[in-house]
PDB file of all heavy atoms in Angstrom:
ATOM      1  N   VAL A   1      66.394  -4.811-164.866  1.00  0.00           N
ATOM      2  CA  VAL A   1      66.906  -5.332-163.693  1.00  0.00           C
ATOM      3  C   VAL A   1      68.388  -4.955-163.700  1.00  0.00           C
ATOM      4  O   VAL A   1      68.953  -4.655-164.736  1.00  0.00           O
ATOM      5  CB  VAL A   1      66.688  -6.917-163.512  1.00  0.00           C
ATOM      6  CG1 VAL A   1      65.271  -7.156-163.386  1.00  0.00           C
ATOM      7  CG2 VAL A   1      67.306  -7.615-164.660  1.00  0.00           C
ATOM      8  N   THR A   2      69.137  -5.089-162.607  1.00  0.00           N
ATOM      9  CA  THR A   2      70.585  -4.900-162.576  1.00  0.00           C
ATOM     10  C   THR A   2      71.219  -6.182-162.326  1.00  0.00           C
ATOM     11  O   THR A   2      70.902  -6.936-161.338  1.00  0.00           O
ATOM     12  CB  THR A   2      70.946  -3.998-161.399  1.00  0.00           C
ATOM     13  OG1 THR A   2      70.230  -2.682-161.733  1.00  0.00           O
ATOM     14  CG2 THR A   2      72.421  -3.643-161.335  1.00  0.00           C
ATOM     15  N   VAL A   3      72.042  -6.658-163.259  1.00  0.00           N
ATOM     16  CA  VAL A   3      72.817  -7.918-163.164  1.00  0.00           C
ATOM     17  C   VAL A   3      74.339  -7.549-163.027  1.00  0.00           C
ATOM     18  O   VAL A   3      74.859  -7.052-163.829  1.00  0.00           O
ATOM     19  CB  VAL A   3      72.600  -8.830-164.390  1.00  0.00           C
ATOM     20  CG1 VAL A   3      73.376 -10.018-164.391  1.00  0.00           C
ATOM     21  CG2 VAL A   3      71.034  -9.045-164.626  1.00  0.00           C
ATOM     22  N   ASN A   4      74.874  -8.065-161.845  1.00  0.00           N
ATOM     23  CA  ASN A   4      76.329  -7.761-161.592  1.00  0.00           C
ATOM     24  C   ASN A   4      76.668  -6.280-161.791  1.00  0.00           C
ATOM     25  O   ASN A   4      77.699  -5.984-162.357  1.00  0.00           O
ATOM     26  CB  ASN A   4      77.093  -8.739-162.328  1.00  0.00           C
ATOM     27  CG  ASN A   4      77.018 -10.184-161.981  1.00  0.00           C
ATOM     28  OD1 ASN A   4      76.355 -10.355-160.989  1.00  0.00           O
ATOM     29  ND2 ASN A   4      77.523 -11.003-162.753  1.00  0.00           N
ATOM     30  N   GLY A   5      75.755  -5.439-161.448  1.00  0.00           N
ATOM     31  CA  GLY A   5      76.079  -4.047-161.417  1.00  0.00           C
ATOM     32  C   GLY A   5      75.712  -3.265-162.772  1.00  0.00           C
ATOM     33  O   GLY A   5      75.890  -2.128-162.924  1.00  0.00           O
ATOM     34  N   THR A   6      75.257  -4.113-163.654  1.00  0.00           N
ATOM     35  CA  THR A   6      74.978  -3.540-165.037  1.00  0.00           C
ATOM     36  C   THR A   6      73.409  -3.521-165.282  1.00  0.00           C
ATOM     37  O   THR A   6      72.788  -4.601-165.162  1.00  0.00           O
ATOM     38  CB  THR A   6      75.559  -4.387-166.135  1.00  0.00           C
ATOM     39  OG1 THR A   6      77.025  -4.341-165.940  1.00  0.00           O
ATOM     40  CG2 THR A   6      75.327  -3.715-167.467  1.00  0.00           C
ATOM     41  N   PRO A   7      72.880  -2.341-165.655  1.00  0.00           N
ATOM     42  CA  PRO A   7      71.497  -2.264-165.918  1.00  0.00           C
ATOM     43  C   PRO A   7      71.265  -3.206-167.085  1.00  0.00           C
ATOM     44  O   PRO A   7      71.798  -3.138-168.169  1.00  0.00           O
ATOM     45  CB  PRO A   7      71.129  -0.892-166.248  1.00  0.00           C
ATOM     46  CG  PRO A   7      72.233  -0.121-165.550  1.00  0.00           C
ATOM     47  CD  PRO A   7      73.500  -1.045-165.653  1.00  0.00           C
ATOM     48  N   THR A   8      70.183  -4.032-167.062  1.00  0.00           N
ATOM     49  CA  THR A   8      69.863  -5.110-168.026  1.00  0.00           C
ATOM     50  C   THR A   8      68.397  -5.058-168.418  1.00  0.00           C
ATOM     51  O   THR A   8      67.557  -5.038-167.534  1.00  0.00           O
ATOM     52  CB  THR A   8      70.249  -6.495-167.650  1.00  0.00           C
ATOM     53  OG1 THR A   8      71.705  -6.419-167.364  1.00  0.00           O
ATOM     54  CG2 THR A   8      69.982  -7.481-168.807  1.00  0.00           C
ATOM     55  N   GLN A   9      68.139  -4.753-169.701  1.00  0.00           N
ATOM     56  CA  GLN A   9      66.767  -4.788-170.156  1.00  0.00           C
ATOM     57  C   GLN A   9      66.291  -6.255-170.474  1.00  0.00           C
ATOM     58  O   GLN A   9      67.005  -6.831-171.255  1.00  0.00           O
ATOM     59  CB  GLN A   9      66.592  -3.849-171.439  1.00  0.00           C
ATOM     60  CG  GLN A   9      65.123  -3.576-171.693  1.00  0.00           C
ATOM     61  CD  GLN A   9      64.425  -2.750-170.724  1.00  0.00           C
ATOM     62  OE1 GLN A   9      64.965  -1.894-170.086  1.00  0.00           O
ATOM     63  NE2 GLN A   9      63.111  -2.873-170.622  1.00  0.00           N
ATOM     64  N   PHE A  10      65.292  -6.655-169.808  1.00  0.00           N
ATOM     65  CA  PHE A  10      64.927  -8.044-169.921  1.00  0.00           C
ATOM     66  C   PHE A  10      63.401  -8.088-170.476  1.00  0.00           C
ATOM     67  O   PHE A  10      62.563  -7.514-169.636  1.00  0.00           O
ATOM     68  CB  PHE A  10      65.114  -8.881-168.652  1.00  0.00           C
ATOM     69  CG  PHE A  10      64.488 -10.299-168.558  1.00  0.00           C
ATOM     70  CD1 PHE A  10      64.956 -11.238-169.489  1.00  0.00           C
ATOM     71  CD2 PHE A  10      63.585 -10.601-167.688  1.00  0.00           C
ATOM     72  CE1 PHE A  10      64.467 -12.511-169.479  1.00  0.00           C
ATOM     73  CE2 PHE A  10      63.104 -11.854-167.667  1.00  0.00           C
ATOM     74  CZ  PHE A  10      63.493 -12.812-168.391  1.00  0.00           C
ATOM     75  N   SER A  11      63.174  -8.805-171.526  1.00  0.00           N
ATOM     76  CA  SER A  11      61.708  -8.949-172.002  1.00  0.00           C
ATOM     77  C   SER A  11      61.407 -10.312-172.355  1.00  0.00           C
ATOM     78  O   SER A  11      61.002 -10.650-173.465  1.00  0.00           O
ATOM     79  CB  SER A  11      61.461  -7.939-173.154  1.00  0.00           C
ATOM     80  OG  SER A  11      62.401  -8.271-174.249  1.00  0.00           O
ATOM     81  N   GLY A  12      61.787 -11.308-171.482  1.00  0.00           N
ATOM     82  CA  GLY A  12      61.503 -12.621-171.703  1.00  0.00           C
ATOM     83  C   GLY A  12      59.919 -12.919-171.638  1.00  0.00           C
ATOM     84  O   GLY A  12      59.248 -12.174-171.260  1.00  0.00           O
ATOM     85  N   THR A  13      59.643 -14.117-172.130  1.00  0.00           N
ATOM     86  CA  THR A  13      58.235 -14.624-172.014  1.00  0.00           C
ATOM     87  C   THR A  13      57.850 -14.898-170.642  1.00  0.00           C
ATOM     88  O   THR A  13      56.681 -14.758-170.389  1.00  0.00           O
ATOM     89  CB  THR A  13      57.960 -15.878-172.858  1.00  0.00           C
ATOM     90  OG1 THR A  13      58.915 -16.805-172.397  1.00  0.00           O
ATOM     91  CG2 THR A  13      58.357 -15.560-174.380  1.00  0.00           C
ATOM     92  N   SER A  14      58.744 -15.146-169.848  1.00  0.00           N
ATOM     93  CA  SER A  14      58.423 -15.437-168.346  1.00  0.00           C
ATOM     94  C   SER A  14      59.463 -14.530-167.511  1.00  0.00           C
ATOM     95  O   SER A  14      60.516 -14.378-167.817  1.00  0.00           O
ATOM     96  CB  SER A  14      58.563 -16.858-168.010  1.00  0.00           C
ATOM     97  OG  SER A  14      58.509 -17.106-166.643  1.00  0.00           O
ATOM     98  N   SER A  15      58.750 -13.969-166.474  1.00  0.00           N
ATOM     99  CA  SER A  15      59.640 -13.007-165.633  1.00  0.00           C
ATOM    100  C   SER A  15      60.064 -13.781-164.449  1.00  0.00           C
ATOM    101  O   SER A  15      59.783 -13.371-163.313  1.00  0.00           O
ATOM    102  CB  SER A  15      58.802 -11.834-165.296  1.00  0.00           C
ATOM    103  OG  SER A  15      58.503 -11.088-166.398  1.00  0.00           O
ATOM    104  N   THR A  16      60.835 -14.841-164.727  1.00  0.00           N
ATOM    105  CA  THR A  16      61.403 -15.633-163.450  1.00  0.00           C
ATOM    106  C   THR A  16      62.987 -15.472-163.569  1.00  0.00           C
ATOM    107  O   THR A  16      63.548 -15.212-164.689  1.00  0.00           O
ATOM    108  CB  THR A  16      61.011 -17.043-163.552  1.00  0.00           C
ATOM    109  OG1 THR A  16      61.577 -17.706-164.578  1.00  0.00           O
ATOM    110  CG2 THR A  16      59.545 -17.220-163.447  1.00  0.00           C
ATOM    111  N   VAL A  17      63.529 -15.917-162.498  1.00  0.00           N
ATOM    112  CA  VAL A  17      65.051 -15.986-162.533  1.00  0.00           C
ATOM    113  C   VAL A  17      65.546 -16.958-163.518  1.00  0.00           C
ATOM    114  O   VAL A  17      66.468 -16.678-164.254  1.00  0.00           O
ATOM    115  CB  VAL A  17      65.583 -16.280-161.030  1.00  0.00           C
ATOM    116  CG1 VAL A  17      67.118 -16.427-161.199  1.00  0.00           C
ATOM    117  CG2 VAL A  17      65.115 -15.177-160.133  1.00  0.00           C
ATOM    118  N   ALA A  18      64.831 -17.987-163.669  1.00  0.00           N
ATOM    119  CA  ALA A  18      65.280 -19.065-164.574  1.00  0.00           C
ATOM    120  C   ALA A  18      65.176 -18.487-166.037  1.00  0.00           C
ATOM    121  O   ALA A  18      66.101 -18.852-166.862  1.00  0.00           O
ATOM    122  CB  ALA A  18      64.414 -20.332-164.446  1.00  0.00           C
ATOM    123  N   ALA A  19      64.242 -17.678-166.355  1.00  0.00           N
ATOM    124  CA  ALA A  19      64.012 -17.080-167.739  1.00  0.00           C
ATOM    125  C   ALA A  19      65.074 -16.217-168.009  1.00  0.00           C
ATOM    126  O   ALA A  19      65.575 -16.132-169.058  1.00  0.00           O
ATOM    127  CB  ALA A  19      62.582 -16.578-167.850  1.00  0.00           C
ATOM    128  N   LEU A  20      65.486 -15.408-166.964  1.00  0.00           N
ATOM    129  CA  LEU A  20      66.558 -14.426-167.156  1.00  0.00           C
ATOM    130  C   LEU A  20      67.851 -15.171-167.425  1.00  0.00           C
ATOM    131  O   LEU A  20      68.712 -14.771-168.313  1.00  0.00           O
ATOM    132  CB  LEU A  20      66.719 -13.636-165.878  1.00  0.00           C
ATOM    133  CG  LEU A  20      67.970 -12.595-165.989  1.00  0.00           C
ATOM    134  CD1 LEU A  20      67.717 -11.508-166.995  1.00  0.00           C
ATOM    135  CD2 LEU A  20      68.065 -11.892-164.565  1.00  0.00           C
ATOM    136  N   LEU A  21      68.145 -16.245-166.625  1.00  0.00           N
ATOM    137  CA  LEU A  21      69.431 -17.063-166.920  1.00  0.00           C
ATOM    138  C   LEU A  21      69.329 -17.648-168.369  1.00  0.00           C
ATOM    139  O   LEU A  21      70.349 -17.607-169.030  1.00  0.00           O
ATOM    140  CB  LEU A  21      69.465 -18.180-165.902  1.00  0.00           C
ATOM    141  CG  LEU A  21      69.775 -17.759-164.537  1.00  0.00           C
ATOM    142  CD1 LEU A  21      69.748 -18.974-163.569  1.00  0.00           C
ATOM    143  CD2 LEU A  21      71.006 -16.974-164.343  1.00  0.00           C
ATOM    144  N   ASP A  22      68.232 -18.032-168.827  1.00  0.00           N
ATOM    145  CA  ASP A  22      68.240 -18.521-170.135  1.00  0.00           C
ATOM    146  C   ASP A  22      68.503 -17.355-171.214  1.00  0.00           C
ATOM    147  O   ASP A  22      69.259 -17.456-172.128  1.00  0.00           O
ATOM    148  CB  ASP A  22      66.673 -19.170-170.488  1.00  0.00           C
ATOM    149  CG  ASP A  22      66.637 -19.718-171.854  1.00  0.00           C
ATOM    150  OD1 ASP A  22      67.571 -20.472-172.138  1.00  0.00           O
ATOM    151  OD2 ASP A  22      65.634 -19.427-172.499  1.00  0.00           O
ATOM    152  N   PHE A  23      67.852 -16.191-170.986  1.00  0.00           N
ATOM    153  CA  PHE A  23      68.110 -14.950-171.689  1.00  0.00           C
ATOM    154  C   PHE A  23      69.492 -14.648-171.829  1.00  0.00           C
ATOM    155  O   PHE A  23      70.094 -14.165-172.832  1.00  0.00           O
ATOM    156  CB  PHE A  23      67.320 -13.777-171.141  1.00  0.00           C
ATOM    157  CG  PHE A  23      67.450 -12.562-171.800  1.00  0.00           C
ATOM    158  CD1 PHE A  23      66.847 -12.260-173.000  1.00  0.00           C
ATOM    159  CD2 PHE A  23      68.200 -11.561-171.144  1.00  0.00           C
ATOM    160  CE1 PHE A  23      67.062 -10.949-173.630  1.00  0.00           C
ATOM    161  CE2 PHE A  23      68.362 -10.291-171.739  1.00  0.00           C
ATOM    162  CZ  PHE A  23      67.774  -9.998-173.056  1.00  0.00           C
ATOM    163  N   LEU A  24      70.428 -14.834-170.705  1.00  0.00           N
ATOM    164  CA  LEU A  24      71.722 -14.483-170.635  1.00  0.00           C
ATOM    165  C   LEU A  24      72.670 -15.530-171.091  1.00  0.00           C
ATOM    166  O   LEU A  24      73.857 -15.535-171.063  1.00  0.00           O
ATOM    167  CB  LEU A  24      72.010 -14.172-169.201  1.00  0.00           C
ATOM    168  CG  LEU A  24      71.410 -12.853-168.600  1.00  0.00           C
ATOM    169  CD1 LEU A  24      71.663 -12.754-167.088  1.00  0.00           C
ATOM    170  CD2 LEU A  24      71.773 -11.649-169.326  1.00  0.00           C
ATOM    171  N   GLY A  25      71.975 -16.662-171.489  1.00  0.00           N
ATOM    172  CA  GLY A  25      72.763 -17.895-171.919  1.00  0.00           C
ATOM    173  C   GLY A  25      73.423 -18.656-170.858  1.00  0.00           C
ATOM    174  O   GLY A  25      74.368 -19.353-171.109  1.00  0.00           O
ATOM    175  N   LEU A  26      72.832 -18.632-169.655  1.00  0.00           N
ATOM    176  CA  LEU A  26      73.362 -19.337-168.488  1.00  0.00           C
ATOM    177  C   LEU A  26      72.517 -20.485-168.162  1.00  0.00           C
ATOM    178  O   LEU A  26      72.677 -21.129-167.107  1.00  0.00           O
ATOM    179  CB  LEU A  26      73.614 -18.440-167.335  1.00  0.00           C
ATOM    180  CG  LEU A  26      74.685 -17.284-167.576  1.00  0.00           C
ATOM    181  CD1 LEU A  26      74.598 -16.315-166.401  1.00  0.00           C
ATOM    182  CD2 LEU A  26      75.936 -17.880-167.769  1.00  0.00           C
ATOM    183  N   ALA A  27      71.378 -20.847-168.710  1.00  0.00           N
ATOM    184  CA  ALA A  27      70.538 -21.979-168.359  1.00  0.00           C
ATOM    185  C   ALA A  27      71.328 -23.257-168.457  1.00  0.00           C
ATOM    186  O   ALA A  27      72.046 -23.541-169.345  1.00  0.00           O
ATOM    187  CB  ALA A  27      69.306 -21.964-169.400  1.00  0.00           C
ATOM    188  N   GLY A  28      71.040 -23.969-167.403  1.00  0.00           N
ATOM    189  CA  GLY A  28      71.712 -25.252-167.306  1.00  0.00           C
ATOM    190  C   GLY A  28      73.185 -25.294-166.808  1.00  0.00           C
ATOM    191  O   GLY A  28      73.872 -26.253-166.744  1.00  0.00           O
ATOM    192  N   LYS A  29      73.709 -24.164-166.657  1.00  0.00           N
ATOM    193  CA  LYS A  29      75.044 -24.048-166.253  1.00  0.00           C
ATOM    194  C   LYS A  29      75.141 -23.812-164.629  1.00  0.00           C
ATOM    195  O   LYS A  29      74.060 -23.290-164.173  1.00  0.00           O
ATOM    196  CB  LYS A  29      75.692 -22.825-166.843  1.00  0.00           C
ATOM    197  CG  LYS A  29      75.869 -22.974-168.441  1.00  0.00           C
ATOM    198  CD  LYS A  29      76.638 -21.913-169.030  1.00  0.00           C
ATOM    199  CE  LYS A  29      76.726 -22.275-170.466  1.00  0.00           C
ATOM    200  NZ  LYS A  29      77.467 -21.231-171.212  1.00  0.00           N
ATOM    201  N   PRO A  30      76.120 -24.238-164.008  1.00  0.00           N
ATOM    202  CA  PRO A  30      76.165 -24.033-162.543  1.00  0.00           C
ATOM    203  C   PRO A  30      76.409 -22.645-162.203  1.00  0.00           C
ATOM    204  O   PRO A  30      77.348 -22.035-162.401  1.00  0.00           O
ATOM    205  CB  PRO A  30      77.330 -24.862-162.052  1.00  0.00           C
ATOM    206  CG  PRO A  30      78.191 -25.115-163.276  1.00  0.00           C
ATOM    207  CD  PRO A  30      77.248 -24.963-164.462  1.00  0.00           C
ATOM    208  N   VAL A  31      75.300 -21.971-161.667  1.00  0.00           N
ATOM    209  CA  VAL A  31      75.352 -20.469-161.309  1.00  0.00           C
ATOM    210  C   VAL A  31      74.884 -20.337-159.819  1.00  0.00           C
ATOM    211  O   VAL A  31      73.805 -20.794-159.647  1.00  0.00           O
ATOM    212  CB  VAL A  31      74.501 -19.614-162.330  1.00  0.00           C
ATOM    213  CG1 VAL A  31      74.457 -18.219-161.913  1.00  0.00           C
ATOM    214  CG2 VAL A  31      74.960 -19.912-163.728  1.00  0.00           C
ATOM    215  N   VAL A  32      75.533 -19.523-159.038  1.00  0.00           N
ATOM    216  CA  VAL A  32      74.936 -19.018-157.890  1.00  0.00           C
ATOM    217  C   VAL A  32      74.263 -17.724-158.055  1.00  0.00           C
ATOM    218  O   VAL A  32      74.835 -16.846-158.711  1.00  0.00           O
ATOM    219  CB  VAL A  32      76.078 -18.853-156.918  1.00  0.00           C
ATOM    220  CG1 VAL A  32      75.605 -18.381-155.488  1.00  0.00           C
ATOM    221  CG2 VAL A  32      76.917 -20.141-156.656  1.00  0.00           C
ATOM    222  N   VAL A  33      73.115 -17.638-157.611  1.00  0.00           N
ATOM    223  CA  VAL A  33      72.182 -16.468-157.729  1.00  0.00           C
ATOM    224  C   VAL A  33      71.811 -15.846-156.484  1.00  0.00           C
ATOM    225  O   VAL A  33      71.417 -16.469-155.580  1.00  0.00           O
ATOM    226  CB  VAL A  33      70.876 -16.849-158.531  1.00  0.00           C
ATOM    227  CG1 VAL A  33      70.015 -15.564-158.774  1.00  0.00           C
ATOM    228  CG2 VAL A  33      71.244 -17.538-159.848  1.00  0.00           C
ATOM    229  N   GLU A  34      72.074 -14.456-156.401  1.00  0.00           N
ATOM    230  CA  GLU A  34      71.625 -13.718-155.293  1.00  0.00           C
ATOM    231  C   GLU A  34      70.707 -12.591-155.863  1.00  0.00           C
ATOM    232  O   GLU A  34      70.953 -11.965-156.877  1.00  0.00           O
ATOM    233  CB  GLU A  34      72.825 -13.028-154.692  1.00  0.00           C
ATOM    234  CG  GLU A  34      72.467 -12.185-153.376  1.00  0.00           C
ATOM    235  CD  GLU A  34      73.717 -11.556-152.786  1.00  0.00           C
ATOM    236  OE1 GLU A  34      73.902 -10.379-153.151  1.00  0.00           O
ATOM    237  OE2 GLU A  34      74.322 -12.153-151.931  1.00  0.00           O
ATOM    238  N   LEU A  35      69.446 -12.579-155.353  1.00  0.00           N
ATOM    239  CA  LEU A  35      68.361 -11.643-155.713  1.00  0.00           C
ATOM    240  C   LEU A  35      68.081 -10.737-154.629  1.00  0.00           C
ATOM    241  O   LEU A  35      67.659 -11.221-153.449  1.00  0.00           O
ATOM    242  CB  LEU A  35      67.176 -12.469-156.129  1.00  0.00           C
ATOM    243  CG  LEU A  35      65.917 -11.579-156.459  1.00  0.00           C
ATOM    244  CD1 LEU A  35      66.146 -10.793-157.654  1.00  0.00           C
ATOM    245  CD2 LEU A  35      64.757 -12.612-156.766  1.00  0.00           C
ATOM    246  N   ASN A  36      68.404  -9.444-154.794  1.00  0.00           N
ATOM    247  CA  ASN A  36      68.144  -8.423-153.649  1.00  0.00           C
ATOM    248  C   ASN A  36      68.737  -8.857-152.479  1.00  0.00           C
ATOM    249  O   ASN A  36      68.186  -8.856-151.310  1.00  0.00           O
ATOM    250  CB  ASN A  36      66.611  -8.153-153.573  1.00  0.00           C
ATOM    251  CG  ASN A  36      66.024  -7.639-154.820  1.00  0.00           C
ATOM    252  OD1 ASN A  36      66.616  -6.932-155.530  1.00  0.00           O
ATOM    253  ND2 ASN A  36      64.775  -8.033-155.147  1.00  0.00           N
ATOM    254  N   GLN A  37      70.087  -9.329-152.507  1.00  0.00           N
ATOM    255  CA  GLN A  37      70.872  -9.667-151.332  1.00  0.00           C
ATOM    256  C   GLN A  37      70.441 -10.995-150.632  1.00  0.00           C
ATOM    257  O   GLN A  37      70.758 -11.182-149.452  1.00  0.00           O
ATOM    258  CB  GLN A  37      70.995  -8.471-150.382  1.00  0.00           C
ATOM    259  CG  GLN A  37      71.583  -7.341-150.963  1.00  0.00           C
ATOM    260  CD  GLN A  37      71.749  -6.147-149.895  1.00  0.00           C
ATOM    261  OE1 GLN A  37      71.119  -6.092-148.891  1.00  0.00           O
ATOM    262  NE2 GLN A  37      72.555  -5.089-150.434  1.00  0.00           N
ATOM    263  N   ARG A  38      69.592 -11.788-151.326  1.00  0.00           N
ATOM    264  CA  ARG A  38      69.211 -13.107-150.842  1.00  0.00           C
ATOM    265  C   ARG A  38      69.609 -14.062-151.717  1.00  0.00           C
ATOM    266  O   ARG A  38      69.207 -14.145-152.878  1.00  0.00           O
ATOM    267  CB  ARG A  38      67.725 -13.056-150.539  1.00  0.00           C
ATOM    268  CG  ARG A  38      67.130 -14.429-150.078  1.00  0.00           C
ATOM    269  CD  ARG A  38      65.613 -14.377-150.032  1.00  0.00           C
ATOM    270  NE  ARG A  38      65.142 -15.731-149.889  1.00  0.00           N
ATOM    271  CZ  ARG A  38      64.797 -16.566-150.811  1.00  0.00           C
ATOM    272  NH1 ARG A  38      64.916 -16.062-152.061  1.00  0.00           N
ATOM    273  NH2 ARG A  38      64.274 -17.791-150.589  1.00  0.00           N
ATOM    274  N   ALA A  39      70.460 -15.095-151.225  1.00  0.00           N
ATOM    275  CA  ALA A  39      70.869 -16.222-152.080  1.00  0.00           C
ATOM    276  C   ALA A  39      69.715 -17.183-152.298  1.00  0.00           C
ATOM    277  O   ALA A  39      68.957 -17.457-151.505  1.00  0.00           O
ATOM    278  CB  ALA A  39      72.086 -16.980-151.318  1.00  0.00           C
ATOM    279  N   LEU A  40      69.590 -17.517-153.558  1.00  0.00           N
ATOM    280  CA  LEU A  40      68.501 -18.623-153.878  1.00  0.00           C
ATOM    281  C   LEU A  40      69.077 -19.985-154.102  1.00  0.00           C
ATOM    282  O   LEU A  40      70.256 -20.115-154.567  1.00  0.00           O
ATOM    283  CB  LEU A  40      67.920 -18.194-155.288  1.00  0.00           C
ATOM    284  CG  LEU A  40      67.299 -16.765-155.321  1.00  0.00           C
ATOM    285  CD1 LEU A  40      66.800 -16.427-156.742  1.00  0.00           C
ATOM    286  CD2 LEU A  40      66.091 -16.652-154.338  1.00  0.00           C
ATOM    287  N   PHE A  41      68.230 -20.920-153.673  1.00  0.00           N
ATOM    288  CA  PHE A  41      68.520 -22.241-153.963  1.00  0.00           C
ATOM    289  C   PHE A  41      68.220 -22.672-155.404  1.00  0.00           C
ATOM    290  O   PHE A  41      67.382 -22.006-156.019  1.00  0.00           O
ATOM    291  CB  PHE A  41      67.729 -23.314-153.122  1.00  0.00           C
ATOM    292  CG  PHE A  41      68.015 -23.287-151.624  1.00  0.00           C
ATOM    293  CD1 PHE A  41      67.283 -22.559-150.699  1.00  0.00           C
ATOM    294  CD2 PHE A  41      69.126 -23.948-151.116  1.00  0.00           C
ATOM    295  CE1 PHE A  41      67.518 -22.525-149.397  1.00  0.00           C
ATOM    296  CE2 PHE A  41      69.464 -23.942-149.829  1.00  0.00           C
ATOM    297  CZ  PHE A  41      68.612 -23.220-148.861  1.00  0.00           C
ATOM    298  N   PRO A  42      69.021 -23.579-156.063  1.00  0.00           N
ATOM    299  CA  PRO A  42      68.696 -23.841-157.502  1.00  0.00           C
ATOM    300  C   PRO A  42      67.262 -24.156-157.666  1.00  0.00           C
ATOM    301  O   PRO A  42      66.841 -23.947-158.775  1.00  0.00           O
ATOM    302  CB  PRO A  42      69.590 -25.075-157.725  1.00  0.00           C
ATOM    303  CG  PRO A  42      70.821 -24.828-156.726  1.00  0.00           C
ATOM    304  CD  PRO A  42      70.175 -24.257-155.581  1.00  0.00           C
ATOM    305  N   ARG A  43      66.666 -24.964-156.723  1.00  0.00           N
ATOM    306  CA  ARG A  43      65.253 -25.323-156.841  1.00  0.00           C
ATOM    307  C   ARG A  43      64.273 -24.117-156.945  1.00  0.00           C
ATOM    308  O   ARG A  43      63.081 -24.196-157.238  1.00  0.00           O
ATOM    309  CB  ARG A  43      64.845 -26.308-155.898  1.00  0.00           C
ATOM    310  CG  ARG A  43      64.812 -25.627-154.488  1.00  0.00           C
ATOM    311  CD  ARG A  43      64.359 -26.571-153.323  1.00  0.00           C
ATOM    312  NE  ARG A  43      64.365 -26.053-152.100  1.00  0.00           N
ATOM    313  CZ  ARG A  43      65.301 -26.212-151.230  1.00  0.00           C
ATOM    314  NH1 ARG A  43      66.333 -27.025-151.464  1.00  0.00           N
ATOM    315  NH2 ARG A  43      65.272 -25.619-150.004  1.00  0.00           N
ATOM    316  N   GLU A  44      64.730 -23.012-156.540  1.00  0.00           N
ATOM    317  CA  GLU A  44      63.912 -21.709-156.449  1.00  0.00           C
ATOM    318  C   GLU A  44      63.859 -20.940-157.823  1.00  0.00           C
ATOM    319  O   GLU A  44      63.036 -20.071-157.892  1.00  0.00           O
ATOM    320  CB  GLU A  44      64.396 -20.835-155.358  1.00  0.00           C
ATOM    321  CG  GLU A  44      64.181 -21.430-153.986  1.00  0.00           C
ATOM    322  CD  GLU A  44      64.572 -20.466-152.951  1.00  0.00           C
ATOM    323  OE1 GLU A  44      65.892 -20.260-152.777  1.00  0.00           O
ATOM    324  OE2 GLU A  44      63.821 -19.981-152.079  1.00  0.00           O
TER     325      GLU A  44
END
């Protein structure tokens, strides 16, 4: 996937946005996420 313009290899146990945030060390931190030009709600 591409994260903030940087190609990133992700091989987590779950392929969700939350799993990626955990992989990047951002789990539980206040983060605004846009996926393919669509902003996500934290509950998503």
